[in-house]
């Protein structure tokens, strides 16, 4: 799936879509933010999130805040 998304992406970023695995390594699980990475999106093709869903704790997803323009 990652390869298909990276072939069809509009972004020039070579790390636009990455596979996330349980081997934490240096990139962790892809959820850590750093300069230039303001958010991430997880696509769960096997619906594993249903095992962890807690509407009272999670709430509804929030839209990302627009980036402030430089200049």
PDB file of N, CA and C in Angstrom:
ATOM      1  N   UNK A   1       0.829  -1.187   0.000  1.00  0.00           N
ATOM      2  CA  UNK A   1       0.000   0.000   0.000  1.00  0.00           C
ATOM      3  C   UNK A   1       0.876   1.254   0.000  1.00  0.00           C
ATOM      4  N   UNK A   2       1.943   1.250   0.822  1.00  0.00           N
ATOM      5  CA  UNK A   2       2.840   2.407   0.874  1.00  0.00           C
ATOM      6  C   UNK A   2       3.379   2.732  -0.511  1.00  0.00           C
ATOM      7  N   UNK A   3       3.807   1.721  -1.254  1.00  0.00           N
ATOM      8  CA  UNK A   3       4.379   1.939  -2.580  1.00  0.00           C
ATOM      9  C   UNK A   3       3.364   2.561  -3.533  1.00  0.00           C
ATOM     10  N   UNK A   4       2.127   2.109  -3.467  1.00  0.00           N
ATOM     11  CA  UNK A   4       1.076   2.656  -4.332  1.00  0.00           C
ATOM     12  C   UNK A   4       0.823   4.122  -3.996  1.00  0.00           C
ATOM     13  N   UNK A   5       0.722   4.447  -2.715  1.00  0.00           N
ATOM     14  CA  UNK A   5       0.491   5.832  -2.302  1.00  0.00           C
ATOM     15  C   UNK A   5       1.647   6.714  -2.750  1.00  0.00           C
ATOM     16  N   UNK A   6       2.884   6.257  -2.555  1.00  0.00           N
ATOM     17  CA  UNK A   6       4.043   7.058  -2.957  1.00  0.00           C
ATOM     18  C   UNK A   6       4.129   7.225  -4.468  1.00  0.00           C
ATOM     19  N   UNK A   7       3.615   6.284  -5.252  1.00  0.00           N
ATOM     20  CA  UNK A   7       3.602   6.419  -6.707  1.00  0.00           C
ATOM     21  C   UNK A   7       2.558   7.436  -7.165  1.00  0.00           C
ATOM     22  N   UNK A   8       1.478   7.597  -6.396  1.00  0.00           N
ATOM     23  CA  UNK A   8       0.372   8.465  -6.795  1.00  0.00           C
ATOM     24  C   UNK A   8       0.378   9.826  -6.108  1.00  0.00           C
ATOM     25  N   UNK A   9       1.286  10.062  -5.191  1.00  0.00           N
ATOM     26  CA  UNK A   9       1.295  11.290  -4.388  1.00  0.00           C
ATOM     27  C   UNK A   9       1.580  12.534  -5.226  1.00  0.00           C
ATOM     28  N   UNK A  10       1.090  13.663  -4.756  1.00  0.00           N
ATOM     29  CA  UNK A  10       1.378  14.943  -5.386  1.00  0.00           C
ATOM     30  C   UNK A  10       2.601  15.596  -4.742  1.00  0.00           C
ATOM     31  N   UNK A  11       2.972  15.143  -3.564  1.00  0.00           N
ATOM     32  CA  UNK A  11       4.091  15.714  -2.821  1.00  0.00           C
ATOM     33  C   UNK A  11       5.419  15.215  -3.367  1.00  0.00           C
ATOM     34  N   UNK A  12       6.462  16.073  -3.304  1.00  0.00           N
ATOM     35  CA  UNK A  12       7.814  15.674  -3.708  1.00  0.00           C
ATOM     36  C   UNK A  12       8.579  15.065  -2.538  1.00  0.00           C
ATOM     37  N   UNK A  13       7.997  15.060  -1.359  1.00  0.00           N
ATOM     38  CA  UNK A  13       8.654  14.531  -0.160  1.00  0.00           C
ATOM     39  C   UNK A  13       8.846  13.021  -0.296  1.00  0.00           C
ATOM     40  N   UNK A  14      10.110  12.528  -0.264  1.00  0.00           N
ATOM     41  CA  UNK A  14      10.339  11.087  -0.407  1.00  0.00           C
ATOM     42  C   UNK A  14       9.827  10.275   0.781  1.00  0.00           C
ATOM     43  N   UNK A  15       9.570  10.921   1.909  1.00  0.00           N
ATOM     44  CA  UNK A  15       9.052  10.244   3.099  1.00  0.00           C
ATOM     45  C   UNK A  15       7.564  10.489   3.290  1.00  0.00           C
ATOM     46  N   UNK A  16       6.857  10.832   2.233  1.00  0.00           N
ATOM     47  CA  UNK A  16       5.442  11.173   2.312  1.00  0.00           C
ATOM     48  C   UNK A  16       4.630  10.075   2.974  1.00  0.00           C
ATOM     49  N   UNK A  17       4.835   8.844   2.560  1.00  0.00           N
ATOM     50  CA  UNK A  17       4.120   7.717   3.140  1.00  0.00           C
ATOM     51  C   UNK A  17       5.140   6.678   3.568  1.00  0.00           C
ATOM     52  N   UNK A  18       5.075   6.271   4.826  1.00  0.00           N
ATOM     53  CA  UNK A  18       6.008   5.294   5.352  1.00  0.00           C
ATOM     54  C   UNK A  18       5.251   4.170   6.038  1.00  0.00           C
ATOM     55  N   UNK A  19       5.832   2.992   5.988  1.00  0.00           N
ATOM     56  CA  UNK A  19       5.265   1.846   6.691  1.00  0.00           C
ATOM     57  C   UNK A  19       5.587   1.973   8.174  1.00  0.00           C
ATOM     58  N   UNK A  20       4.598   1.722   9.016  1.00  0.00           N
ATOM     59  CA  UNK A  20       4.777   1.789  10.462  1.00  0.00           C
ATOM     60  C   UNK A  20       4.732   0.367  10.996  1.00  0.00           C
ATOM     61  N   UNK A  21       5.776  -0.026  11.741  1.00  0.00           N
ATOM     62  CA  UNK A  21       5.832  -1.375  12.290  1.00  0.00           C
ATOM     63  C   UNK A  21       6.095  -1.308  13.779  1.00  0.00           C
ATOM     64  N   UNK A  22       6.064  -2.444  14.440  1.00  0.00           N
ATOM     65  CA  UNK A  22       6.291  -2.496  15.885  1.00  0.00           C
ATOM     66  C   UNK A  22       7.763  -2.363  16.254  1.00  0.00           C
ATOM     67  N   UNK A  23       8.685  -2.454  15.278  1.00  0.00           N
ATOM     68  CA  UNK A  23      10.109  -2.280  15.555  1.00  0.00           C
ATOM     69  C   UNK A  23      10.377  -0.784  15.666  1.00  0.00           C
ATOM     70  N   UNK A  24      10.466  -0.271  16.893  1.00  0.00           N
ATOM     71  CA  UNK A  24      10.548   1.174  17.111  1.00  0.00           C
ATOM     72  C   UNK A  24      11.738   1.827  16.428  1.00  0.00           C
ATOM     73  N   UNK A  25      12.932   1.272  16.514  1.00  0.00           N
ATOM     74  CA  UNK A  25      14.106   1.844  15.847  1.00  0.00           C
ATOM     75  C   UNK A  25      14.217   3.336  16.067  1.00  0.00           C
ATOM     76  N   UNK A  26      14.906   4.047  15.169  1.00  0.00           N
ATOM     77  CA  UNK A  26      15.131   5.489  15.317  1.00  0.00           C
ATOM     78  C   UNK A  26      13.880   6.307  15.003  1.00  0.00           C
ATOM     79  N   UNK A  27      12.953   5.846  14.043  1.00  0.00           N
ATOM     80  CA  UNK A  27      11.767   6.636  13.649  1.00  0.00           C
ATOM     81  C   UNK A  27      10.587   6.417  14.565  1.00  0.00           C
ATOM     82  N   UNK A  28      10.748   5.563  15.639  1.00  0.00           N
ATOM     83  CA  UNK A  28       9.624   5.280  16.533  1.00  0.00           C
ATOM     84  C   UNK A  28       8.520   4.634  15.729  1.00  0.00           C
ATOM     85  N   UNK A  29       7.269   4.927  16.037  1.00  0.00           N
ATOM     86  CA  UNK A  29       6.143   4.369  15.285  1.00  0.00           C
ATOM     87  C   UNK A  29       5.553   5.402  14.340  1.00  0.00           C
ATOM     88  N   UNK A  30       6.322   6.430  14.033  1.00  0.00           N
ATOM     89  CA  UNK A  30       5.854   7.435  13.091  1.00  0.00           C
ATOM     90  C   UNK A  30       4.975   8.493  13.717  1.00  0.00           C
ATOM     91  N   UNK A  31       4.777   8.423  15.028  1.00  0.00           N
ATOM     92  CA  UNK A  31       3.859   9.354  15.675  1.00  0.00           C
ATOM     93  C   UNK A  31       4.570  10.528  16.327  1.00  0.00           C
ATOM     94  N   UNK A  32       5.888  10.528  16.344  1.00  0.00           N
ATOM     95  CA  UNK A  32       6.602  11.641  16.978  1.00  0.00           C
ATOM     96  C   UNK A  32       6.656  12.833  16.034  1.00  0.00           C
ATOM     97  N   UNK A  33       6.380  14.009  16.555  1.00  0.00           N
ATOM     98  CA  UNK A  33       6.441  15.234  15.756  1.00  0.00           C
ATOM     99  C   UNK A  33       7.835  15.836  15.842  1.00  0.00           C
ATOM    100  N   UNK A  34       8.248  16.540  14.811  1.00  0.00           N
ATOM    101  CA  UNK A  34       9.516  17.250  14.783  1.00  0.00           C
ATOM    102  C   UNK A  34       9.337  18.437  13.862  1.00  0.00           C
ATOM    103  N   UNK A  35      10.330  19.327  13.775  1.00  0.00           N
ATOM    104  CA  UNK A  35      10.214  20.509  12.925  1.00  0.00           C
ATOM    105  C   UNK A  35       9.851  20.108  11.507  1.00  0.00           C
ATOM    106  N   UNK A  36       8.807  20.684  10.981  1.00  0.00           N
ATOM    107  CA  UNK A  36       8.350  20.381   9.637  1.00  0.00           C
ATOM    108  C   UNK A  36       7.316  19.267   9.576  1.00  0.00           C
ATOM    109  N   UNK A  37       7.132  18.539  10.655  1.00  0.00           N
ATOM    110  CA  UNK A  37       6.109  17.484  10.706  1.00  0.00           C
ATOM    111  C   UNK A  37       5.112  17.888  11.772  1.00  0.00           C
ATOM    112  N   UNK A  38       3.996  18.431  11.328  1.00  0.00           N
ATOM    113  CA  UNK A  38       3.012  18.985  12.256  1.00  0.00           C
ATOM    114  C   UNK A  38       1.884  18.014  12.582  1.00  0.00           C
ATOM    115  N   UNK A  39       1.698  16.974  11.775  1.00  0.00           N
ATOM    116  CA  UNK A  39       0.646  16.000  12.026  1.00  0.00           C
ATOM    117  C   UNK A  39       0.955  14.743  11.220  1.00  0.00           C
ATOM    118  N   UNK A  40       0.205  13.706  11.461  1.00  0.00           N
ATOM    119  CA  UNK A  40       0.328  12.477  10.693  1.00  0.00           C
ATOM    120  C   UNK A  40      -1.049  11.853  10.564  1.00  0.00           C
ATOM    121  N   UNK A  41      -1.211  10.986   9.587  1.00  0.00           N
ATOM    122  CA  UNK A  41      -2.471  10.300   9.356  1.00  0.00           C
ATOM    123  C   UNK A  41      -2.205   8.803   9.341  1.00  0.00           C
ATOM    124  N   UNK A  42      -3.010   8.052  10.045  1.00  0.00           N
ATOM    125  CA  UNK A  42      -2.873   6.606  10.066  1.00  0.00           C
ATOM    126  C   UNK A  42      -4.065   5.993   9.340  1.00  0.00           C
ATOM    127  N   UNK A  43      -3.790   5.132   8.370  1.00  0.00           N
ATOM    128  CA  UNK A  43      -4.823   4.368   7.690  1.00  0.00           C
ATOM    129  C   UNK A  43      -4.764   2.951   8.226  1.00  0.00           C
ATOM    130  N   UNK A  44      -5.831   2.515   8.841  1.00  0.00           N
ATOM    131  CA  UNK A  44      -5.890   1.199   9.478  1.00  0.00           C
ATOM    132  C   UNK A  44      -6.725   0.273   8.604  1.00  0.00           C
ATOM    133  N   UNK A  45      -6.067  -0.468   7.710  1.00  0.00           N
ATOM    134  CA  UNK A  45      -6.773  -1.294   6.743  1.00  0.00           C
ATOM    135  C   UNK A  45      -7.383  -2.547   7.355  1.00  0.00           C
ATOM    136  N   UNK A  46      -6.963  -2.921   8.548  1.00  0.00           N
ATOM    137  CA  UNK A  46      -7.491  -4.139   9.167  1.00  0.00           C
ATOM    138  C   UNK A  46      -8.411  -3.824  10.346  1.00  0.00           C
ATOM    139  N   UNK A  47      -8.743  -2.546  10.528  1.00  0.00           N
ATOM    140  CA  UNK A  47      -9.692  -2.099  11.568  1.00  0.00           C
ATOM    141  C   UNK A  47      -9.239  -2.438  12.992  1.00  0.00           C
ATOM    142  N   UNK A  48      -7.924  -2.478  13.226  1.00  0.00           N
ATOM    143  CA  UNK A  48      -7.404  -2.776  14.565  1.00  0.00           C
ATOM    144  C   UNK A  48      -7.816  -1.717  15.582  1.00  0.00           C
ATOM    145  N   UNK A  49      -8.086  -0.500  15.115  1.00  0.00           N
ATOM    146  CA  UNK A  49      -8.457   0.572  16.044  1.00  0.00           C
ATOM    147  C   UNK A  49      -9.736   0.252  16.816  1.00  0.00           C
ATOM    148  N   UNK A  50     -10.571  -0.632  16.293  1.00  0.00           N
ATOM    149  CA  UNK A  50     -11.794  -1.001  17.011  1.00  0.00           C
ATOM    150  C   UNK A  50     -11.485  -1.686  18.347  1.00  0.00           C
ATOM    151  N   UNK A  51     -10.321  -2.296  18.455  1.00  0.00           N
ATOM    152  CA  UNK A  51      -9.935  -2.951  19.704  1.00  0.00           C
ATOM    153  C   UNK A  51      -9.565  -1.935  20.785  1.00  0.00           C
ATOM    154  N   UNK A  52      -9.289  -0.696  20.379  1.00  0.00           N
ATOM    155  CA  UNK A  52      -8.808   0.317  21.311  1.00  0.00           C
ATOM    156  C   UNK A  52      -9.724   1.526  21.389  1.00  0.00           C
ATOM    157  N   UNK A  53     -10.822   1.513  20.699  1.00  0.00           N
ATOM    158  CA  UNK A  53     -11.722   2.660  20.639  1.00  0.00           C
ATOM    159  C   UNK A  53     -12.373   2.925  21.996  1.00  0.00           C
ATOM    160  N   UNK A  54     -12.282   4.171  22.452  1.00  0.00           N
ATOM    161  CA  UNK A  54     -12.915   4.600  23.694  1.00  0.00           C
ATOM    162  C   UNK A  54     -13.473   6.006  23.468  1.00  0.00           C
ATOM    163  N   UNK A  55     -14.714   6.125  22.977  1.00  0.00           N
ATOM    164  CA  UNK A  55     -15.279   7.436  22.630  1.00  0.00           C
ATOM    165  C   UNK A  55     -15.263   8.447  23.773  1.00  0.00           C
ATOM    166  N   UNK A  56     -15.399   7.988  24.999  1.00  0.00           N
ATOM    167  CA  UNK A  56     -15.391   8.934  26.127  1.00  0.00           C
ATOM    168  C   UNK A  56     -14.014   9.562  26.311  1.00  0.00           C
ATOM    169  N   UNK A  57     -12.956   8.817  26.007  1.00  0.00           N
ATOM    170  CA  UNK A  57     -11.592   9.352  26.181  1.00  0.00           C
ATOM    171  C   UNK A  57     -11.096  10.031  24.909  1.00  0.00           C
ATOM    172  N   UNK A  58     -11.333   9.403  23.751  1.00  0.00           N
ATOM    173  CA  UNK A  58     -10.790   9.909  22.490  1.00  0.00           C
ATOM    174  C   UNK A  58     -11.503  11.147  21.985  1.00  0.00           C
ATOM    175  N   UNK A  59     -12.806  11.166  22.069  1.00  0.00           N
ATOM    176  CA  UNK A  59     -13.565  12.264  21.493  1.00  0.00           C
ATOM    177  C   UNK A  59     -13.525  12.223  19.973  1.00  0.00           C
ATOM    178  N   UNK A  60     -14.050  13.244  19.337  1.00  0.00           N
ATOM    179  CA  UNK A  60     -14.063  13.333  17.882  1.00  0.00           C
ATOM    180  C   UNK A  60     -12.712  13.843  17.380  1.00  0.00           C
ATOM    181  N   UNK A  61     -12.280  13.426  16.184  1.00  0.00           N
ATOM    182  CA  UNK A  61     -11.012  13.930  15.643  1.00  0.00           C
ATOM    183  C   UNK A  61     -11.090  15.423  15.379  1.00  0.00           C
ATOM    184  N   UNK A  62      -9.973  16.111  15.541  1.00  0.00           N
ATOM    185  CA  UNK A  62      -9.889  17.547  15.297  1.00  0.00           C
ATOM    186  C   UNK A  62      -9.254  17.796  13.944  1.00  0.00           C
ATOM    187  N   UNK A  63      -9.702  18.849  13.259  1.00  0.00           N
ATOM    188  CA  UNK A  63      -9.069  19.253  12.003  1.00  0.00           C
ATOM    189  C   UNK A  63      -7.710  19.862  12.323  1.00  0.00           C
ATOM    190  N   UNK A  64      -6.684  19.611  11.496  1.00  0.00           N
ATOM    191  CA  UNK A  64      -5.377  20.248  11.734  1.00  0.00           C
ATOM    192  C   UNK A  64      -5.509  21.763  11.636  1.00  0.00           C
ATOM    193  N   UNK A  65      -4.756  22.469  12.475  1.00  0.00           N
ATOM    194  CA  UNK A  65      -4.759  23.926  12.430  1.00  0.00           C
ATOM    195  C   UNK A  65      -3.952  24.378  11.223  1.00  0.00           C
ATOM    196  N   UNK A  66      -4.400  25.431  10.516  1.00  0.00           N
ATOM    197  CA  UNK A  66      -3.633  25.905   9.362  1.00  0.00           C
ATOM    198  C   UNK A  66      -2.269  26.432   9.802  1.00  0.00           C
ATOM    199  N   UNK A  67      -1.264  26.197   8.958  1.00  0.00           N
ATOM    200  CA  UNK A  67       0.084  26.690   9.258  1.00  0.00           C
ATOM    201  C   UNK A  67       0.125  28.197   9.107  1.00  0.00           C
ATOM    202  N   UNK A  68       0.866  28.857   9.994  1.00  0.00           N
ATOM    203  CA  UNK A  68       1.049  30.300   9.880  1.00  0.00           C
ATOM    204  C   UNK A  68       2.023  30.567   8.738  1.00  0.00           C
ATOM    205  N   UNK A  69       1.719  31.557   7.901  1.00  0.00           N
ATOM    206  CA  UNK A  69       2.616  31.863   6.792  1.00  0.00           C
ATOM    207  C   UNK A  69       3.839  32.612   7.295  1.00  0.00           C
ATOM    208  N   UNK A  70       4.967  32.319   6.680  1.00  0.00           N
ATOM    209  CA  UNK A  70       6.230  32.983   7.036  1.00  0.00           C
ATOM    210  C   UNK A  70       6.401  34.193   6.147  1.00  0.00           C
ATOM    211  N   UNK A  71       6.518  35.376   6.771  1.00  0.00           N
ATOM    212  CA  UNK A  71       6.819  36.525   5.942  1.00  0.00           C
ATOM    213  C   UNK A  71       5.843  37.583   6.074  1.00  0.00           C
TER     214      UNK A  71
END
